[in-house]
Amino acid sequence: MSGTDYAAKGIFFFYGLTVWEYELTINANGYKQYSQMHNVRPEQYGNAMAIKLVEETVDHQ
């Protein structure tokens, strides 16, 4: 993250990204990895989305 990016309470904003297709990957202990492609366009803020991480299950056999 750059000095202009913002993160608080699980909300992230990334500023100054060039127009491109980016892969967003989230790794968090106890949860399955999340990964998805996102297209970035200039001045486009309508891509806000909620991401719900899926808890990993432990097999106790």
N, C-alpha and C. Protein backbone atom coordinates (compact mmCIF):
# COMPACT_ATOMS: atom_id res chain seq x y z
N MET A 1 0.84 -1.18 0.00
CA MET A 1 0.00 0.00 0.00
C MET A 1 0.89 1.24 0.00
N SER A 2 0.44 2.24 -0.73
CA SER A 2 1.19 3.50 -0.78
C SER A 2 0.75 4.39 0.38
N GLY A 3 1.41 5.50 0.55
CA GLY A 3 1.06 6.42 1.63
C GLY A 3 -0.30 7.09 1.43
N THR A 4 -0.86 6.99 0.23
CA THR A 4 -2.17 7.61 -0.03
C THR A 4 -3.30 6.61 0.07
N ASP A 5 -2.99 5.32 0.19
CA ASP A 5 -4.03 4.31 0.32
C ASP A 5 -4.65 4.40 1.71
N TYR A 6 -5.81 3.80 1.87
CA TYR A 6 -6.56 3.92 3.12
C TYR A 6 -7.09 2.55 3.53
N ALA A 7 -6.96 2.23 4.81
CA ALA A 7 -7.51 0.99 5.34
C ALA A 7 -7.98 1.24 6.77
N ALA A 8 -9.22 0.84 7.05
CA ALA A 8 -9.76 0.96 8.40
C ALA A 8 -10.98 0.06 8.53
N LYS A 9 -11.05 -0.68 9.61
CA LYS A 9 -12.20 -1.53 9.92
C LYS A 9 -12.56 -2.45 8.74
N GLY A 10 -11.53 -3.00 8.08
CA GLY A 10 -11.78 -3.94 7.00
C GLY A 10 -12.15 -3.31 5.67
N ILE A 11 -12.04 -1.98 5.56
CA ILE A 11 -12.34 -1.29 4.31
C ILE A 11 -11.03 -0.76 3.74
N PHE A 12 -10.81 -1.01 2.44
CA PHE A 12 -9.57 -0.62 1.79
C PHE A 12 -9.86 0.22 0.55
N PHE A 13 -9.10 1.31 0.38
CA PHE A 13 -9.15 2.12 -0.82
C PHE A 13 -7.73 2.23 -1.36
N PHE A 14 -7.57 2.02 -2.66
CA PHE A 14 -6.26 2.11 -3.30
C PHE A 14 -6.30 3.26 -4.29
N TYR A 15 -5.41 4.22 -4.13
CA TYR A 15 -5.38 5.41 -4.98
C TYR A 15 -4.18 5.36 -5.92
N GLY A 16 -4.34 5.98 -7.07
CA GLY A 16 -3.22 6.13 -8.00
C GLY A 16 -2.91 4.89 -8.81
N LEU A 17 -3.82 3.91 -8.83
CA LEU A 17 -3.58 2.72 -9.64
C LEU A 17 -3.77 3.08 -11.12
N THR A 18 -2.92 2.53 -11.96
CA THR A 18 -3.08 2.76 -13.39
C THR A 18 -4.19 1.87 -13.93
N VAL A 19 -4.76 2.26 -15.06
CA VAL A 19 -5.80 1.46 -15.71
C VAL A 19 -5.18 0.10 -16.04
N TRP A 20 -5.81 -0.95 -15.53
CA TRP A 20 -5.26 -2.29 -15.72
C TRP A 20 -6.21 -3.29 -15.11
N GLU A 21 -5.92 -4.55 -15.31
CA GLU A 21 -6.65 -5.62 -14.63
C GLU A 21 -5.75 -6.14 -13.51
N TYR A 22 -6.24 -6.08 -12.29
CA TYR A 22 -5.47 -6.49 -11.12
C TYR A 22 -6.10 -7.72 -10.48
N GLU A 23 -5.25 -8.52 -9.87
CA GLU A 23 -5.74 -9.66 -9.09
C GLU A 23 -5.66 -9.29 -7.62
N LEU A 24 -6.81 -9.34 -6.95
CA LEU A 24 -6.87 -9.09 -5.52
C LEU A 24 -6.85 -10.43 -4.80
N THR A 25 -5.88 -10.62 -3.93
CA THR A 25 -5.77 -11.86 -3.16
C THR A 25 -5.71 -11.50 -1.68
N ILE A 26 -6.51 -12.20 -0.89
CA ILE A 26 -6.54 -11.99 0.56
C ILE A 26 -6.21 -13.31 1.24
N ASN A 27 -5.20 -13.28 2.10
CA ASN A 27 -4.83 -14.42 2.92
C ASN A 27 -4.99 -14.02 4.38
N ALA A 28 -5.78 -14.77 5.12
CA ALA A 28 -5.99 -14.49 6.55
C ALA A 28 -6.04 -15.81 7.30
N ASN A 29 -5.34 -15.87 8.42
CA ASN A 29 -5.31 -17.09 9.22
C ASN A 29 -6.72 -17.54 9.59
N GLY A 30 -7.00 -18.82 9.39
CA GLY A 30 -8.29 -19.39 9.75
C GLY A 30 -9.34 -19.27 8.65
N TYR A 31 -8.98 -18.66 7.50
CA TYR A 31 -9.92 -18.48 6.41
C TYR A 31 -9.33 -18.99 5.10
N LYS A 32 -10.20 -19.41 4.19
CA LYS A 32 -9.75 -19.83 2.87
C LYS A 32 -9.27 -18.60 2.11
N GLN A 33 -8.29 -18.82 1.24
CA GLN A 33 -7.77 -17.72 0.42
C GLN A 33 -8.85 -17.20 -0.52
N TYR A 34 -8.90 -15.89 -0.67
CA TYR A 34 -9.82 -15.25 -1.61
C TYR A 34 -8.97 -14.65 -2.72
N SER A 35 -9.37 -14.85 -3.97
CA SER A 35 -8.65 -14.27 -5.08
C SER A 35 -9.63 -14.00 -6.22
N GLN A 36 -9.58 -12.79 -6.77
CA GLN A 36 -10.46 -12.43 -7.87
C GLN A 36 -9.83 -11.30 -8.69
N MET A 37 -10.09 -11.30 -10.00
CA MET A 37 -9.59 -10.27 -10.90
C MET A 37 -10.53 -9.06 -10.86
N HIS A 38 -9.95 -7.85 -10.93
CA HIS A 38 -10.72 -6.61 -10.93
C HIS A 38 -10.14 -5.65 -11.96
N ASN A 39 -11.01 -5.04 -12.76
CA ASN A 39 -10.59 -4.04 -13.74
C ASN A 39 -10.64 -2.66 -13.10
N VAL A 40 -9.55 -1.90 -13.23
CA VAL A 40 -9.48 -0.55 -12.69
C VAL A 40 -9.60 0.43 -13.84
N ARG A 41 -10.51 1.39 -13.67
CA ARG A 41 -10.74 2.45 -14.66
C ARG A 41 -10.55 3.80 -13.95
N PRO A 42 -10.17 4.84 -14.69
CA PRO A 42 -9.96 6.16 -14.05
C PRO A 42 -11.23 6.68 -13.39
N GLU A 43 -11.07 7.22 -12.19
CA GLU A 43 -12.16 7.87 -11.46
C GLU A 43 -13.38 6.98 -11.29
N GLN A 44 -13.20 5.68 -11.24
CA GLN A 44 -14.33 4.77 -11.09
C GLN A 44 -14.35 4.24 -9.66
N TYR A 45 -15.34 4.70 -8.91
CA TYR A 45 -15.47 4.29 -7.52
C TYR A 45 -16.64 3.33 -7.32
N GLY A 46 -17.31 2.98 -8.40
CA GLY A 46 -18.48 2.11 -8.31
C GLY A 46 -18.15 0.65 -8.14
N ASN A 47 -16.87 0.32 -8.05
CA ASN A 47 -16.48 -1.09 -7.92
C ASN A 47 -16.41 -1.54 -6.47
N ALA A 48 -16.94 -0.74 -5.55
CA ALA A 48 -16.92 -1.14 -4.14
C ALA A 48 -17.71 -2.44 -3.97
N MET A 49 -17.15 -3.33 -3.21
CA MET A 49 -17.81 -4.62 -3.00
C MET A 49 -17.50 -5.14 -1.61
N ALA A 50 -18.43 -5.89 -1.07
CA ALA A 50 -18.21 -6.56 0.21
C ALA A 50 -17.66 -7.95 -0.08
N ILE A 51 -16.63 -8.32 0.62
CA ILE A 51 -16.03 -9.65 0.46
C ILE A 51 -16.18 -10.38 1.78
N LYS A 52 -16.86 -11.51 1.75
CA LYS A 52 -17.02 -12.32 2.97
C LYS A 52 -16.08 -13.50 2.86
N LEU A 53 -15.11 -13.57 3.77
CA LEU A 53 -14.17 -14.68 3.77
C LEU A 53 -14.83 -15.92 4.35
N VAL A 54 -14.45 -17.08 3.83
CA VAL A 54 -15.01 -18.36 4.26
C VAL A 54 -14.04 -19.00 5.25
N GLU A 55 -14.56 -19.37 6.41
CA GLU A 55 -13.71 -20.00 7.42
C GLU A 55 -13.24 -21.37 6.95
N GLU A 56 -11.99 -21.69 7.26
CA GLU A 56 -11.48 -23.02 6.96
C GLU A 56 -12.08 -23.99 7.96
N THR A 57 -12.38 -25.17 7.51
CA THR A 57 -12.90 -26.20 8.41
C THR A 57 -11.78 -27.16 8.76
N VAL A 58 -11.80 -27.63 9.98
CA VAL A 58 -10.79 -28.58 10.46
C VAL A 58 -11.42 -29.95 10.51
N ASP A 59 -10.78 -30.90 9.86
CA ASP A 59 -11.27 -32.28 9.84
C ASP A 59 -10.70 -33.00 11.07
N HIS A 60 -11.56 -33.41 12.01
CA HIS A 60 -11.12 -34.05 13.25
C HIS A 60 -11.26 -35.57 13.20
N GLN A 61 -10.77 -36.18 12.16
CA GLN A 61 -10.90 -37.64 12.05
C GLN A 61 -9.69 -38.35 12.57
